[in-house]
């Protein structure tokens, strides 16, 4: 994370996890890492949210992954799965 912002990891990219990540983006509190065991699923959800970031006036990053190493250094971890 190069933005100097906080980092929040959301484990689980289903309805609850994706909604949680979206609300966090609306609040503009941190960069978000969305993690799911199905990598393409988390990446797709993160891409959808990233494409809406201009509408939300959100300047952070939203990334999707299946690799737990990507959530290292998170300030907060939300488990929804």
PDB file of N, CA and C in Angstrom:
ATOM      1  N   UNK A   1       0.849  -1.177   0.000  1.00  0.00           N
ATOM      2  CA  UNK A   1       0.000   0.000   0.000  1.00  0.00           C
ATOM      3  C   UNK A   1       0.891   1.235   0.000  1.00  0.00           C
ATOM      4  N   UNK A   2       0.843   1.974  -1.036  1.00  0.00           N
ATOM      5  CA  UNK A   2       1.705   3.138  -1.163  1.00  0.00           C
ATOM      6  C   UNK A   2       0.996   4.446  -0.859  1.00  0.00           C
ATOM      7  N   UNK A   3      -0.293   4.400  -0.617  1.00  0.00           N
ATOM      8  CA  UNK A   3      -1.041   5.641  -0.440  1.00  0.00           C
ATOM      9  C   UNK A   3      -0.938   6.207   0.969  1.00  0.00           C
ATOM     10  N   UNK A   4      -0.373   5.471   1.931  1.00  0.00           N
ATOM     11  CA  UNK A   4      -0.299   5.938   3.298  1.00  0.00           C
ATOM     12  C   UNK A   4      -1.614   5.820   4.036  1.00  0.00           C
ATOM     13  N   UNK A   5      -2.605   5.253   3.394  1.00  0.00           N
ATOM     14  CA  UNK A   5      -3.914   5.057   4.015  1.00  0.00           C
ATOM     15  C   UNK A   5      -3.926   3.758   4.796  1.00  0.00           C
ATOM     16  N   UNK A   6      -4.932   3.611   5.607  1.00  0.00           N
ATOM     17  CA  UNK A   6      -5.128   2.343   6.293  1.00  0.00           C
ATOM     18  C   UNK A   6      -5.531   1.278   5.289  1.00  0.00           C
ATOM     19  N   UNK A   7      -5.377   0.034   5.710  1.00  0.00           N
ATOM     20  CA  UNK A   7      -5.701  -1.103   4.848  1.00  0.00           C
ATOM     21  C   UNK A   7      -6.681  -1.999   5.595  1.00  0.00           C
ATOM     22  N   UNK A   8      -7.789  -2.294   4.950  1.00  0.00           N
ATOM     23  CA  UNK A   8      -8.792  -3.181   5.530  1.00  0.00           C
ATOM     24  C   UNK A   8      -8.955  -4.384   4.620  1.00  0.00           C
ATOM     25  N   UNK A   9      -8.863  -5.568   5.211  1.00  0.00           N
ATOM     26  CA  UNK A   9      -9.071  -6.812   4.475  1.00  0.00           C
ATOM     27  C   UNK A   9     -10.463  -7.334   4.791  1.00  0.00           C
ATOM     28  N   UNK A  10     -11.170  -7.741   3.765  1.00  0.00           N
ATOM     29  CA  UNK A  10     -12.484  -8.368   3.931  1.00  0.00           C
ATOM     30  C   UNK A  10     -12.361  -9.779   3.397  1.00  0.00           C
ATOM     31  N   UNK A  11     -12.505 -10.754   4.287  1.00  0.00           N
ATOM     32  CA  UNK A  11     -12.399 -12.157   3.895  1.00  0.00           C
ATOM     33  C   UNK A  11     -13.797 -12.669   3.582  1.00  0.00           C
ATOM     34  N   UNK A  12     -13.974 -13.081   2.351  1.00  0.00           N
ATOM     35  CA  UNK A  12     -15.269 -13.528   1.858  1.00  0.00           C
ATOM     36  C   UNK A  12     -15.827 -12.491   0.903  1.00  0.00           C
ATOM     37  N   UNK A  13     -15.966 -12.854  -0.367  1.00  0.00           N
ATOM     38  CA  UNK A  13     -16.430 -11.900  -1.378  1.00  0.00           C
ATOM     39  C   UNK A  13     -17.869 -12.169  -1.801  1.00  0.00           C
ATOM     40  N   UNK A  14     -18.601 -12.884  -0.975  1.00  0.00           N
ATOM     41  CA  UNK A  14     -20.012 -13.129  -1.269  1.00  0.00           C
ATOM     42  C   UNK A  14     -20.834 -11.874  -1.034  1.00  0.00           C
ATOM     43  N   UNK A  15     -22.127 -12.033  -0.876  1.00  0.00           N
ATOM     44  CA  UNK A  15     -23.003 -10.869  -0.711  1.00  0.00           C
ATOM     45  C   UNK A  15     -22.626 -10.014   0.490  1.00  0.00           C
ATOM     46  N   UNK A  16     -22.369 -10.650   1.628  1.00  0.00           N
ATOM     47  CA  UNK A  16     -22.047  -9.894   2.841  1.00  0.00           C
ATOM     48  C   UNK A  16     -20.684  -9.221   2.712  1.00  0.00           C
ATOM     49  N   UNK A  17     -19.680  -9.964   2.261  1.00  0.00           N
ATOM     50  CA  UNK A  17     -18.338  -9.407   2.125  1.00  0.00           C
ATOM     51  C   UNK A  17     -18.264  -8.292   1.101  1.00  0.00           C
ATOM     52  N   UNK A  18     -18.895  -8.492  -0.042  1.00  0.00           N
ATOM     53  CA  UNK A  18     -18.882  -7.470  -1.087  1.00  0.00           C
ATOM     54  C   UNK A  18     -19.623  -6.216  -0.627  1.00  0.00           C
ATOM     55  N   UNK A  19     -20.728  -6.394   0.069  1.00  0.00           N
ATOM     56  CA  UNK A  19     -21.466  -5.245   0.594  1.00  0.00           C
ATOM     57  C   UNK A  19     -20.640  -4.505   1.631  1.00  0.00           C
ATOM     58  N   UNK A  20     -19.977  -5.244   2.499  1.00  0.00           N
ATOM     59  CA  UNK A  20     -19.100  -4.638   3.501  1.00  0.00           C
ATOM     60  C   UNK A  20     -18.004  -3.819   2.824  1.00  0.00           C
ATOM     61  N   UNK A  21     -17.358  -4.398   1.828  1.00  0.00           N
ATOM     62  CA  UNK A  21     -16.289  -3.699   1.109  1.00  0.00           C
ATOM     63  C   UNK A  21     -16.832  -2.447   0.422  1.00  0.00           C
ATOM     64  N   UNK A  22     -18.013  -2.538  -0.162  1.00  0.00           N
ATOM     65  CA  UNK A  22     -18.616  -1.395  -0.848  1.00  0.00           C
ATOM     66  C   UNK A  22     -18.929  -0.264   0.131  1.00  0.00           C
ATOM     67  N   UNK A  23     -19.469  -0.617   1.293  1.00  0.00           N
ATOM     68  CA  UNK A  23     -19.774   0.399   2.309  1.00  0.00           C
ATOM     69  C   UNK A  23     -18.487   1.057   2.805  1.00  0.00           C
ATOM     70  N   UNK A  24     -17.438   0.256   2.989  1.00  0.00           N
ATOM     71  CA  UNK A  24     -16.149   0.824   3.393  1.00  0.00           C
ATOM     72  C   UNK A  24     -15.632   1.798   2.338  1.00  0.00           C
ATOM     73  N   UNK A  25     -15.816   1.458   1.072  1.00  0.00           N
ATOM     74  CA  UNK A  25     -15.405   2.363  -0.004  1.00  0.00           C
ATOM     75  C   UNK A  25     -16.228   3.651   0.041  1.00  0.00           C
ATOM     76  N   UNK A  26     -17.518   3.534   0.296  1.00  0.00           N
ATOM     77  CA  UNK A  26     -18.369   4.722   0.406  1.00  0.00           C
ATOM     78  C   UNK A  26     -17.904   5.625   1.544  1.00  0.00           C
ATOM     79  N   UNK A  27     -17.424   5.005   2.623  1.00  0.00           N
ATOM     80  CA  UNK A  27     -16.966   5.759   3.789  1.00  0.00           C
ATOM     81  C   UNK A  27     -15.567   6.342   3.589  1.00  0.00           C
ATOM     82  N   UNK A  28     -14.852   5.859   2.567  1.00  0.00           N
ATOM     83  CA  UNK A  28     -13.512   6.365   2.226  1.00  0.00           C
ATOM     84  C   UNK A  28     -12.534   6.246   3.387  1.00  0.00           C
ATOM     85  N   UNK A  29     -12.589   5.142   4.128  1.00  0.00           N
ATOM     86  CA  UNK A  29     -11.755   5.008   5.323  1.00  0.00           C
ATOM     87  C   UNK A  29     -10.424   4.314   5.084  1.00  0.00           C
ATOM     88  N   UNK A  30     -10.293   3.549   4.000  1.00  0.00           N
ATOM     89  CA  UNK A  30      -9.070   2.759   3.833  1.00  0.00           C
ATOM     90  C   UNK A  30      -9.003   2.170   2.434  1.00  0.00           C
ATOM     91  N   UNK A  31      -7.820   1.655   2.109  1.00  0.00           N
ATOM     92  CA  UNK A  31      -7.691   0.796   0.938  1.00  0.00           C
ATOM     93  C   UNK A  31      -8.288  -0.553   1.315  1.00  0.00           C
ATOM     94  N   UNK A  32      -8.867  -1.244   0.349  1.00  0.00           N
ATOM     95  CA  UNK A  32      -9.609  -2.469   0.636  1.00  0.00           C
ATOM     96  C   UNK A  32      -9.032  -3.636  -0.148  1.00  0.00           C
ATOM     97  N   UNK A  33      -8.848  -4.752   0.556  1.00  0.00           N
ATOM     98  CA  UNK A  33      -8.456  -6.000  -0.092  1.00  0.00           C
ATOM     99  C   UNK A  33      -9.577  -6.995   0.151  1.00  0.00           C
ATOM    100  N   UNK A  34     -10.171  -7.474  -0.905  1.00  0.00           N
ATOM    101  CA  UNK A  34     -11.267  -8.436  -0.845  1.00  0.00           C
ATOM    102  C   UNK A  34     -10.693  -9.808  -1.147  1.00  0.00           C
ATOM    103  N   UNK A  35     -10.799 -10.728  -0.203  1.00  0.00           N
ATOM    104  CA  UNK A  35     -10.190 -12.047  -0.340  1.00  0.00           C
ATOM    105  C   UNK A  35     -11.264 -13.126  -0.373  1.00  0.00           C
ATOM    106  N   UNK A  36     -11.123 -14.052  -1.297  1.00  0.00           N
ATOM    107  CA  UNK A  36     -12.035 -15.190  -1.386  1.00  0.00           C
ATOM    108  C   UNK A  36     -11.248 -16.393  -1.887  1.00  0.00           C
ATOM    109  N   UNK A  37     -11.697 -17.593  -1.544  1.00  0.00           N
ATOM    110  CA  UNK A  37     -10.968 -18.782  -1.991  1.00  0.00           C
ATOM    111  C   UNK A  37     -11.063 -18.955  -3.497  1.00  0.00           C
ATOM    112  N   UNK A  38     -12.049 -18.344  -4.117  1.00  0.00           N
ATOM    113  CA  UNK A  38     -12.181 -18.366  -5.569  1.00  0.00           C
ATOM    114  C   UNK A  38     -11.630 -17.051  -6.108  1.00  0.00           C
ATOM    115  N   UNK A  39     -10.376 -17.075  -6.566  1.00  0.00           N
ATOM    116  CA  UNK A  39      -9.659 -15.847  -6.916  1.00  0.00           C
ATOM    117  C   UNK A  39     -10.389 -14.999  -7.944  1.00  0.00           C
ATOM    118  N   UNK A  40     -10.884 -15.595  -8.977  1.00  0.00           N
ATOM    119  CA  UNK A  40     -11.567 -14.823 -10.002  1.00  0.00           C
ATOM    120  C   UNK A  40     -12.798 -14.114  -9.473  1.00  0.00           C
ATOM    121  N   UNK A  41     -13.458 -14.707  -8.512  1.00  0.00           N
ATOM    122  CA  UNK A  41     -14.661 -14.122  -7.925  1.00  0.00           C
ATOM    123  C   UNK A  41     -14.325 -12.827  -7.195  1.00  0.00           C
ATOM    124  N   UNK A  42     -13.321 -12.866  -6.331  1.00  0.00           N
ATOM    125  CA  UNK A  42     -12.920 -11.670  -5.576  1.00  0.00           C
ATOM    126  C   UNK A  42     -12.395 -10.586  -6.509  1.00  0.00           C
ATOM    127  N   UNK A  43     -11.622 -10.992  -7.504  1.00  0.00           N
ATOM    128  CA  UNK A  43     -11.090 -10.007  -8.452  1.00  0.00           C
ATOM    129  C   UNK A  43     -12.213  -9.333  -9.233  1.00  0.00           C
ATOM    130  N   UNK A  44     -13.221 -10.103  -9.624  1.00  0.00           N
ATOM    131  CA  UNK A  44     -14.354  -9.546 -10.357  1.00  0.00           C
ATOM    132  C   UNK A  44     -15.142  -8.553  -9.529  1.00  0.00           C
ATOM    133  N   UNK A  45     -15.413  -8.912  -8.280  1.00  0.00           N
ATOM    134  CA  UNK A  45     -16.139  -7.999  -7.387  1.00  0.00           C
ATOM    135  C   UNK A  45     -15.336  -6.717  -7.168  1.00  0.00           C
ATOM    136  N   UNK A  46     -14.028  -6.874  -6.944  1.00  0.00           N
ATOM    137  CA  UNK A  46     -13.172  -5.705  -6.721  1.00  0.00           C
ATOM    138  C   UNK A  46     -13.130  -4.818  -7.963  1.00  0.00           C
ATOM    139  N   UNK A  47     -13.085  -5.429  -9.136  1.00  0.00           N
ATOM    140  CA  UNK A  47     -13.075  -4.657 -10.381  1.00  0.00           C
ATOM    141  C   UNK A  47     -14.373  -3.871 -10.546  1.00  0.00           C
ATOM    142  N   UNK A  48     -15.497  -4.520 -10.257  1.00  0.00           N
ATOM    143  CA  UNK A  48     -16.786  -3.820 -10.328  1.00  0.00           C
ATOM    144  C   UNK A  48     -16.796  -2.601  -9.408  1.00  0.00           C
ATOM    145  N   UNK A  49     -16.308  -2.788  -8.178  1.00  0.00           N
ATOM    146  CA  UNK A  49     -16.292  -1.675  -7.227  1.00  0.00           C
ATOM    147  C   UNK A  49     -15.313  -0.590  -7.656  1.00  0.00           C
ATOM    148  N   UNK A  50     -14.171  -0.990  -8.172  1.00  0.00           N
ATOM    149  CA  UNK A  50     -13.171  -0.013  -8.630  1.00  0.00           C
ATOM    150  C   UNK A  50     -13.724   0.847  -9.756  1.00  0.00           C
ATOM    151  N   UNK A  51     -14.511   0.234 -10.627  1.00  0.00           N
ATOM    152  CA  UNK A  51     -15.089   0.989 -11.736  1.00  0.00           C
ATOM    153  C   UNK A  51     -16.140   1.985 -11.259  1.00  0.00           C
ATOM    154  N   UNK A  52     -16.679   1.774 -10.074  1.00  0.00           N
ATOM    155  CA  UNK A  52     -17.638   2.712  -9.488  1.00  0.00           C
ATOM    156  C   UNK A  52     -16.972   3.736  -8.583  1.00  0.00           C
ATOM    157  N   UNK A  53     -15.669   3.633  -8.389  1.00  0.00           N
ATOM    158  CA  UNK A  53     -14.995   4.494  -7.418  1.00  0.00           C
ATOM    159  C   UNK A  53     -15.101   5.978  -7.771  1.00  0.00           C
ATOM    160  N   UNK A  54     -15.172   6.314  -9.049  1.00  0.00           N
ATOM    161  CA  UNK A  54     -15.329   7.726  -9.421  1.00  0.00           C
ATOM    162  C   UNK A  54     -16.676   8.273  -8.988  1.00  0.00           C
ATOM    163  N   UNK A  55     -17.704   7.457  -9.091  1.00  0.00           N
ATOM    164  CA  UNK A  55     -19.038   7.875  -8.661  1.00  0.00           C
ATOM    165  C   UNK A  55     -19.048   8.114  -7.156  1.00  0.00           C
ATOM    166  N   UNK A  56     -18.303   7.276  -6.426  1.00  0.00           N
ATOM    167  CA  UNK A  56     -18.236   7.392  -4.967  1.00  0.00           C
ATOM    168  C   UNK A  56     -17.238   8.449  -4.511  1.00  0.00           C
ATOM    169  N   UNK A  57     -16.466   9.000  -5.454  1.00  0.00           N
ATOM    170  CA  UNK A  57     -15.380   9.918  -5.122  1.00  0.00           C
ATOM    171  C   UNK A  57     -14.379   9.244  -4.178  1.00  0.00           C
ATOM    172  N   UNK A  58     -14.130   7.963  -4.441  1.00  0.00           N
ATOM    173  CA  UNK A  58     -13.209   7.149  -3.637  1.00  0.00           C
ATOM    174  C   UNK A  58     -11.879   7.075  -4.360  1.00  0.00           C
ATOM    175  N   UNK A  59     -10.818   7.513  -3.705  1.00  0.00           N
ATOM    176  CA  UNK A  59      -9.508   7.534  -4.350  1.00  0.00           C
ATOM    177  C   UNK A  59      -8.578   6.427  -3.861  1.00  0.00           C
ATOM    178  N   UNK A  60      -9.085   5.524  -3.053  1.00  0.00           N
ATOM    179  CA  UNK A  60      -8.281   4.402  -2.570  1.00  0.00           C
ATOM    180  C   UNK A  60      -8.255   3.267  -3.577  1.00  0.00           C
ATOM    181  N   UNK A  61      -7.662   2.168  -3.169  1.00  0.00           N
ATOM    182  CA  UNK A  61      -7.609   0.994  -4.034  1.00  0.00           C
ATOM    183  C   UNK A  61      -8.513  -0.097  -3.492  1.00  0.00           C
ATOM    184  N   UNK A  62      -9.093  -0.838  -4.405  1.00  0.00           N
ATOM    185  CA  UNK A  62      -9.885  -2.020  -4.069  1.00  0.00           C
ATOM    186  C   UNK A  62      -9.310  -3.152  -4.898  1.00  0.00           C
ATOM    187  N   UNK A  63      -8.774  -4.158  -4.229  1.00  0.00           N
ATOM    188  CA  UNK A  63      -8.180  -5.284  -4.939  1.00  0.00           C
ATOM    189  C   UNK A  63      -8.834  -6.579  -4.497  1.00  0.00           C
ATOM    190  N   UNK A  64      -8.859  -7.538  -5.389  1.00  0.00           N
ATOM    191  CA  UNK A  64      -9.391  -8.861  -5.101  1.00  0.00           C
ATOM    192  C   UNK A  64      -8.291  -9.894  -5.214  1.00  0.00           C
ATOM    193  N   UNK A  65      -8.338 -10.892  -4.357  1.00  0.00           N
ATOM    194  CA  UNK A  65      -7.282 -11.898  -4.327  1.00  0.00           C
ATOM    195  C   UNK A  65      -7.773 -13.188  -3.687  1.00  0.00           C
ATOM    196  N   UNK A  66      -6.994 -14.241  -3.881  1.00  0.00           N
ATOM    197  CA  UNK A  66      -7.209 -15.501  -3.171  1.00  0.00           C
ATOM    198  C   UNK A  66      -5.986 -15.826  -2.320  1.00  0.00           C
ATOM    199  N   UNK A  67      -5.030 -14.916  -2.274  1.00  0.00           N
ATOM    200  CA  UNK A  67      -3.760 -15.136  -1.578  1.00  0.00           C
ATOM    201  C   UNK A  67      -3.761 -14.410  -0.234  1.00  0.00           C
ATOM    202  N   UNK A  68      -3.691 -15.185   0.841  1.00  0.00           N
ATOM    203  CA  UNK A  68      -3.700 -14.587   2.178  1.00  0.00           C
ATOM    204  C   UNK A  68      -2.501 -13.675   2.412  1.00  0.00           C
ATOM    205  N   UNK A  69      -1.419 -13.838   1.671  1.00  0.00           N
ATOM    206  CA  UNK A  69      -0.262 -12.946   1.813  1.00  0.00           C
ATOM    207  C   UNK A  69      -0.615 -11.510   1.443  1.00  0.00           C
ATOM    208  N   UNK A  70      -1.622 -11.331   0.607  1.00  0.00           N
ATOM    209  CA  UNK A  70      -2.013  -9.988   0.171  1.00  0.00           C
ATOM    210  C   UNK A  70      -2.707  -9.179   1.262  1.00  0.00           C
ATOM    211  N   UNK A  71      -3.146  -9.840   2.330  1.00  0.00           N
ATOM    212  CA  UNK A  71      -3.784  -9.088   3.417  1.00  0.00           C
ATOM    213  C   UNK A  71      -2.809  -8.795   4.559  1.00  0.00           C
ATOM    214  N   UNK A  72      -1.543  -9.179   4.376  1.00  0.00           N
ATOM    215  CA  UNK A  72      -0.527  -8.882   5.394  1.00  0.00           C
ATOM    216  C   UNK A  72      -0.447  -7.376   5.609  1.00  0.00           C
ATOM    217  N   UNK A  73      -0.322  -6.983   6.849  1.00  0.00           N
ATOM    218  CA  UNK A  73      -0.216  -5.566   7.178  1.00  0.00           C
ATOM    219  C   UNK A  73      -1.542  -4.845   7.260  1.00  0.00           C
ATOM    220  N   UNK A  74      -2.632  -5.583   7.187  1.00  0.00           N
ATOM    221  CA  UNK A  74      -3.949  -4.951   7.289  1.00  0.00           C
ATOM    222  C   UNK A  74      -4.152  -4.385   8.689  1.00  0.00           C
ATOM    223  N   UNK A  75      -4.756  -3.220   8.753  1.00  0.00           N
ATOM    224  CA  UNK A  75      -5.079  -2.610  10.037  1.00  0.00           C
ATOM    225  C   UNK A  75      -6.314  -3.249  10.656  1.00  0.00           C
ATOM    226  N   UNK A  76      -7.217  -3.704   9.802  1.00  0.00           N
ATOM    227  CA  UNK A  76      -8.453  -4.354  10.234  1.00  0.00           C
ATOM    228  C   UNK A  76      -8.716  -5.518   9.298  1.00  0.00           C
ATOM    229  N   UNK A  77      -9.180  -6.639   9.867  1.00  0.00           N
ATOM    230  CA  UNK A  77      -9.592  -7.793   9.063  1.00  0.00           C
ATOM    231  C   UNK A  77     -11.033  -8.118   9.427  1.00  0.00           C
ATOM    232  N   UNK A  78     -11.898  -8.113   8.430  1.00  0.00           N
ATOM    233  CA  UNK A  78     -13.308  -8.449   8.615  1.00  0.00           C
ATOM    234  C   UNK A  78     -13.528  -9.820   7.996  1.00  0.00           C
ATOM    235  N   UNK A  79     -14.042 -10.762   8.790  1.00  0.00           N
ATOM    236  CA  UNK A  79     -14.292 -12.116   8.298  1.00  0.00           C
ATOM    237  C   UNK A  79     -15.790 -12.275   8.088  1.00  0.00           C
ATOM    238  N   UNK A  80     -16.181 -12.524   6.836  1.00  0.00           N
ATOM    239  CA  UNK A  80     -17.604 -12.663   6.525  1.00  0.00           C
ATOM    240  C   UNK A  80     -17.946 -14.047   6.024  1.00  0.00           C
ATOM    241  N   UNK A  81     -16.957 -14.920   5.922  1.00  0.00           N
ATOM    242  CA  UNK A  81     -17.233 -16.253   5.376  1.00  0.00           C
ATOM    243  C   UNK A  81     -17.345 -17.286   6.470  1.00  0.00           C
TER     244      UNK A  81
END
